[in-house]
Amino acid sequence: MRIMYDALNARNILRKERRPVLVAGYVDRIRLAPWTDADWALFPDALKVRIVKKASTNDGHVLDVEPGDAAPGQAPGWAEMRRRSGFAHPCVYCNRSTWPKVKAAFAAQQVEPPLYWIATATGKPEIPAGAIAAQYLLDVPPGIDISVVADYWPGVDDAPPAPLSVEPGVEIMERITVTPPNAGSNTVRLNLSGSSGAAVVVRPRIDGSGVSKPMWVGNIFAWGSDRTGIGHNPKSEPGYDDRLTSHRRFALPGAVWADLEYSASEPFEIDVVG
């Protein structure tokens, strides 16, 4: 899962997180001004979720259903309008108590249900069953809301993540998303199992046309449970190509943690297996 920030004032997000993975902002007006192009440009590396307040606005990924914005009964018409315009995955934002009313409106109007982004305000980064995202922290200083988002959001992400498949008998421990702080050389620390099958799979993101931006993987410095370096230096291997355009597996038998050197211009995934 990933973290997303939204705010009426886009600059408030930067006061909390300089390089967010996901941001959400408004694109139409009822009372308050929407985000400007300059506001969106504050987040060049982030995935951007566009929210509309009015059900008559044929734009956006998400319709905001709450008092003062769209009503539950207006949501099905907006979703149909967005689908007719070519956007296949409309999403409705509402709080947990309003959710049944929105679902009932779609059923009554015989409209295909949308995706749901639910405001839970539980303080726990958990997504309710049937939702794609959950806003679990509200009014966080200096004036932002924080949501947890599924690893793949249709209509927002370019393509679904690669399936969690590895060699038979090898278990995936976790998949993490790495957001580079810059396009230069960086390092990410990984926790591994210490087993003989410990490994990492580095996965550059592939867009909807099947193309990925290249990234580079340099040395991988690994340690065992006795705090002894077990070493792994791919760059010392004859013929090693540090440029990746698709996923690549690096075996790290016996490693309990490792520092992986990389250079990338956009987020990518790493599977920790073992």
Protein backbone atom coordinates (compact mmCIF):
# COMPACT_ATOMS: atom_id res chain seq x y z
CA MET A 1 0.00 0.00 0.00
CA ARG A 2 1.02 3.60 -0.59
CA ILE A 3 0.50 6.95 1.11
CA MET A 4 -1.39 9.81 -0.57
CA TYR A 5 -1.72 13.42 0.59
CA ASP A 6 -4.52 15.83 -0.27
CA ALA A 7 -5.07 19.45 0.73
CA LEU A 8 -6.97 22.58 -0.22
CA ASN A 9 -3.61 24.36 -0.31
CA ALA A 10 -1.13 22.31 -2.34
CA ARG A 11 1.88 23.87 -0.62
CA ASN A 12 0.76 22.43 2.71
CA ILE A 13 1.67 18.99 1.38
CA LEU A 14 5.26 20.08 0.76
CA ARG A 15 5.53 21.16 4.38
CA LYS A 16 4.82 17.54 5.35
CA GLU A 17 6.43 15.54 2.52
CA ARG A 18 8.88 16.88 -0.05
CA ARG A 19 8.58 13.98 -2.49
CA PRO A 20 5.14 12.37 -2.14
CA VAL A 21 4.30 9.29 -4.18
CA LEU A 22 0.64 10.30 -4.61
CA VAL A 23 -1.13 13.66 -4.27
CA ALA A 24 -4.78 14.57 -4.72
CA GLY A 25 -6.19 18.01 -5.45
CA TYR A 26 -9.31 19.78 -6.72
CA VAL A 27 -9.92 20.77 -10.34
CA ASP A 28 -13.25 22.63 -10.13
CA ARG A 29 -14.81 25.28 -7.92
CA ILE A 30 -17.89 25.56 -5.75
CA ARG A 31 -16.65 28.03 -3.13
CA LEU A 32 -12.92 27.50 -2.79
CA ALA A 33 -10.48 27.86 -5.68
CA PRO A 34 -9.17 24.65 -7.29
CA TRP A 35 -5.50 23.84 -7.67
CA THR A 36 -3.71 25.79 -10.38
CA ASP A 37 -1.30 24.36 -12.94
CA ALA A 38 1.50 25.76 -10.78
CA ASP A 39 0.14 23.83 -7.78
CA TRP A 40 0.18 20.53 -9.68
CA ALA A 41 3.68 21.33 -10.95
CA LEU A 42 4.95 21.34 -7.35
CA PHE A 43 4.88 17.51 -7.54
CA PRO A 44 6.68 16.54 -10.76
CA ASP A 45 7.36 12.95 -9.65
CA ALA A 46 4.04 12.16 -7.96
CA LEU A 47 1.02 10.36 -9.34
CA LYS A 48 -1.77 12.93 -9.41
CA VAL A 49 -5.37 12.23 -8.45
CA ARG A 50 -7.84 14.84 -9.72
CA ILE A 51 -10.94 15.48 -7.59
CA VAL A 52 -14.12 17.23 -8.74
CA LYS A 53 -16.75 18.69 -6.41
CA LYS A 54 -19.60 19.12 -8.91
CA ALA A 55 -21.34 16.17 -10.55
CA SER A 56 -21.69 18.30 -13.71
CA THR A 57 -17.89 18.49 -14.16
CA ASN A 58 -16.76 16.06 -16.85
CA ASP A 59 -13.23 15.76 -15.53
CA GLY A 60 -11.25 14.09 -12.80
CA HIS A 61 -10.63 10.67 -11.34
CA VAL A 62 -12.79 11.19 -8.24
CA LEU A 63 -16.15 12.78 -7.39
CA ASP A 64 -16.29 14.30 -3.90
CA VAL A 65 -19.58 13.23 -2.29
CA GLU A 66 -20.09 15.15 0.94
CA PRO A 67 -22.23 18.05 2.21
CA GLY A 68 -21.67 21.14 0.08
CA ASP A 69 -20.29 19.13 -2.84
CA ALA A 70 -21.97 16.34 -4.84
CA ALA A 71 -24.91 14.38 -3.40
CA PRO A 72 -25.06 10.55 -3.32
CA GLY A 73 -27.82 10.49 -5.92
CA GLN A 74 -25.68 12.51 -8.35
CA ALA A 75 -22.75 10.10 -8.28
CA PRO A 76 -24.12 7.52 -10.76
CA GLY A 77 -24.75 10.18 -13.41
CA TRP A 78 -21.24 11.54 -13.01
CA ALA A 79 -19.75 8.05 -13.30
CA GLU A 80 -21.72 7.35 -16.47
CA MET A 81 -20.65 10.70 -17.94
CA ARG A 82 -16.98 9.98 -17.23
CA ARG A 83 -17.24 6.52 -18.79
CA ARG A 84 -18.90 7.96 -21.92
CA SER A 85 -16.03 10.45 -22.19
CA GLY A 86 -13.53 7.57 -22.23
CA PHE A 87 -12.49 7.37 -18.58
CA ALA A 88 -13.22 3.78 -17.59
CA HIS A 89 -12.54 3.88 -13.83
CA PRO A 90 -14.47 6.67 -12.07
CA CYS A 91 -14.07 6.78 -8.29
CA VAL A 92 -16.32 8.23 -5.59
CA TYR A 93 -14.99 9.75 -2.37
CA CYS A 94 -17.31 9.69 0.64
CA ASN A 95 -17.22 8.98 4.35
CA ARG A 96 -18.04 5.61 5.84
CA SER A 97 -21.58 6.59 6.92
CA THR A 98 -22.45 7.94 3.44
CA TRP A 99 -21.06 4.91 1.60
CA PRO A 100 -24.27 2.80 1.86
CA LYS A 101 -26.30 5.69 0.39
CA VAL A 102 -23.92 5.97 -2.57
CA LYS A 103 -24.03 2.22 -3.17
CA ALA A 104 -27.84 2.31 -3.01
CA ALA A 105 -27.95 5.14 -5.57
CA PHE A 106 -25.87 3.13 -8.05
CA ALA A 107 -28.08 0.09 -7.52
CA ALA A 108 -31.31 2.09 -7.87
CA GLN A 109 -30.13 3.78 -11.07
CA GLN A 110 -28.72 0.50 -12.42
CA VAL A 111 -25.29 1.98 -13.00
CA GLU A 112 -22.08 -0.05 -12.75
CA PRO A 113 -20.50 0.64 -9.35
CA PRO A 114 -17.42 2.88 -9.26
CA LEU A 115 -14.21 2.57 -7.30
CA TYR A 116 -14.42 3.95 -3.77
CA TRP A 117 -12.13 6.17 -1.71
CA ILE A 118 -13.53 6.11 1.83
CA ALA A 119 -12.88 8.58 4.65
CA THR A 120 -12.52 6.41 7.75
CA ALA A 121 -10.57 8.75 10.08
CA THR A 122 -9.58 5.71 12.16
CA GLY A 123 -5.94 6.65 12.47
CA LYS A 124 -5.07 3.20 11.10
CA PRO A 125 -3.69 2.78 7.54
CA GLU A 126 -6.26 0.15 6.55
CA ILE A 127 -8.44 0.04 3.44
CA PRO A 128 -12.01 -1.25 3.94
CA ALA A 129 -13.07 -4.18 1.80
CA GLY A 130 -14.51 -2.89 -1.46
CA ALA A 131 -12.49 0.35 -1.52
CA ILE A 132 -9.36 1.39 -3.39
CA ALA A 133 -8.19 3.95 -0.79
CA ALA A 134 -8.95 5.12 2.74
CA GLN A 135 -8.46 8.59 4.21
CA TYR A 136 -7.41 7.60 7.72
CA LEU A 137 -5.94 10.88 9.06
CA LEU A 138 -7.85 14.17 8.77
CA ASP A 139 -6.75 17.78 9.34
CA VAL A 140 -3.12 16.96 9.96
CA PRO A 141 -1.04 20.14 10.49
CA PRO A 142 -0.37 22.26 8.46
CA GLY A 143 -3.70 21.41 6.82
CA ILE A 144 -3.60 18.10 4.97
CA ASP A 145 -5.39 14.76 4.91
CA ILE A 146 -3.55 11.46 4.56
CA SER A 147 -4.82 8.33 2.84
CA VAL A 148 -3.55 4.84 2.28
CA VAL A 149 -3.92 3.60 -1.31
CA ALA A 150 -3.83 0.17 -2.91
CA ASP A 151 -0.71 -0.78 -4.84
CA TYR A 152 -2.65 -0.41 -8.08
CA TRP A 153 -5.35 2.20 -8.73
CA PRO A 154 -6.97 1.69 -12.16
CA GLY A 155 -7.20 4.95 -14.04
CA VAL A 156 -4.48 6.57 -11.93
CA ASP A 157 -1.61 4.10 -12.34
CA ASP A 158 -0.43 3.41 -15.88
CA ALA A 159 -0.44 -0.38 -15.52
CA PRO A 160 -0.92 -3.01 -12.81
CA PRO A 161 2.19 -4.14 -10.96
CA ALA A 162 3.88 -7.28 -12.16
CA PRO A 163 2.45 -10.46 -10.60
CA LEU A 164 4.08 -11.70 -7.43
CA SER A 165 5.61 -14.77 -9.03
CA VAL A 166 9.02 -16.30 -8.40
CA GLU A 167 10.64 -19.70 -8.64
CA PRO A 168 8.69 -22.65 -7.15
CA GLY A 169 9.38 -23.12 -3.45
CA VAL A 170 10.57 -19.53 -2.94
CA GLU A 171 8.38 -17.30 -0.79
CA ILE A 172 7.86 -13.59 -1.33
CA MET A 173 8.28 -11.73 1.95
CA GLU A 174 7.15 -8.29 0.74
CA ARG A 175 7.07 -5.89 -2.17
CA ILE A 176 8.27 -2.35 -1.49
CA THR A 177 8.03 0.79 -3.60
CA VAL A 178 11.18 2.91 -3.81
CA THR A 179 10.76 6.60 -4.63
CA PRO A 180 14.17 8.02 -5.58
CA PRO A 181 15.03 11.30 -3.83
CA ASN A 182 16.84 12.36 -7.02
CA ALA A 183 18.02 10.90 -10.33
CA GLY A 184 21.57 10.41 -9.08
CA SER A 185 23.16 7.55 -7.17
CA ASN A 186 21.21 6.45 -4.09
CA THR A 187 21.03 3.52 -1.67
CA VAL A 188 18.08 1.63 -0.21
CA ARG A 189 18.37 -0.74 2.78
CA LEU A 190 16.51 -4.06 2.54
CA ASN A 191 15.67 -6.61 5.24
CA LEU A 192 15.95 -10.23 4.12
CA SER A 193 15.24 -13.69 5.53
CA GLY A 194 18.80 -14.98 6.00
CA SER A 195 17.83 -18.19 4.19
CA SER A 196 19.73 -19.90 1.39
CA GLY A 197 17.06 -18.66 -1.02
CA ALA A 198 17.23 -15.00 0.04
CA ALA A 199 17.12 -12.68 -2.96
CA VAL A 200 15.70 -9.43 -4.28
CA VAL A 201 13.93 -8.79 -7.57
CA VAL A 202 14.24 -5.23 -8.86
CA ARG A 203 11.29 -4.20 -11.06
CA PRO A 204 11.36 -1.00 -13.15
CA ARG A 205 7.80 0.21 -13.78
CA ILE A 206 6.32 -0.69 -17.14
CA ASP A 207 3.79 1.71 -18.65
CA GLY A 208 0.59 0.83 -20.49
CA SER A 209 2.44 0.39 -23.79
CA GLY A 210 4.84 -2.14 -22.27
CA VAL A 211 7.81 0.23 -22.06
CA SER A 212 9.83 1.10 -18.96
CA LYS A 213 12.28 3.91 -18.31
CA PRO A 214 15.75 2.46 -17.73
CA MET A 215 17.31 2.42 -14.28
CA TRP A 216 20.66 1.25 -12.96
CA VAL A 217 21.67 -1.14 -10.16
CA GLY A 218 25.25 -1.02 -8.89
CA ASN A 219 26.78 -2.79 -5.92
CA ILE A 220 24.74 -4.70 -3.36
CA PHE A 221 26.43 -4.93 0.04
CA ALA A 222 24.90 -7.71 2.17
CA TRP A 223 25.34 -8.88 5.77
CA GLY A 224 24.59 -12.16 7.53
CA SER A 225 23.04 -12.80 10.97
CA ASP A 226 26.50 -12.68 12.58
CA ARG A 227 26.91 -9.10 11.30
CA THR A 228 29.61 -10.30 8.91
CA GLY A 229 29.57 -8.92 5.42
CA ILE A 230 28.83 -11.68 2.93
CA GLY A 231 29.33 -9.34 0.00
CA HIS A 232 27.72 -9.18 -3.39
CA ASN A 233 29.20 -6.96 -6.01
CA PRO A 234 27.38 -7.35 -9.32
CA LYS A 235 29.65 -4.75 -10.93
CA SER A 236 32.62 -7.10 -10.42
CA GLU A 237 30.96 -9.87 -12.44
CA PRO A 238 32.28 -10.26 -15.99
CA GLY A 239 29.90 -8.73 -18.50
CA TYR A 240 27.60 -7.26 -15.86
CA ASP A 241 25.18 -4.72 -17.35
CA ASP A 242 24.00 -2.30 -14.67
CA ARG A 243 21.20 -0.95 -16.89
CA LEU A 244 17.74 -2.46 -16.26
CA THR A 245 14.72 -2.14 -18.53
CA SER A 246 12.85 -5.13 -17.05
CA HIS A 247 12.92 -7.03 -13.77
CA ARG A 248 16.13 -8.72 -12.59
CA ARG A 249 16.76 -11.13 -9.70
CA PHE A 250 19.81 -10.82 -7.44
CA ALA A 251 20.56 -13.83 -5.22
CA LEU A 252 21.72 -12.93 -1.69
CA PRO A 253 21.95 -16.31 0.12
CA GLY A 254 22.31 -15.96 3.89
CA ALA A 255 21.69 -12.21 3.92
CA VAL A 256 19.57 -10.63 6.65
CA TRP A 257 19.96 -7.12 5.28
CA ALA A 258 21.54 -5.46 2.28
CA ASP A 259 22.25 -1.99 0.89
CA LEU A 260 21.40 -1.77 -2.80
CA GLU A 261 22.89 1.03 -4.89
CA TYR A 262 20.65 2.35 -7.63
CA SER A 263 19.97 5.26 -9.94
CA ALA A 264 16.43 5.88 -11.21
CA SER A 265 14.33 8.80 -12.38
CA GLU A 266 10.98 7.43 -11.21
CA PRO A 267 9.62 5.05 -8.55
CA PHE A 268 10.21 1.31 -8.92
CA GLU A 269 9.43 -1.86 -6.97
CA ILE A 270 11.62 -4.39 -5.19
CA ASP A 271 10.41 -7.87 -4.24
CA VAL A 272 12.15 -9.32 -1.19
CA VAL A 273 12.08 -13.10 -1.51
CA GLY A 274 13.47 -16.04 0.35
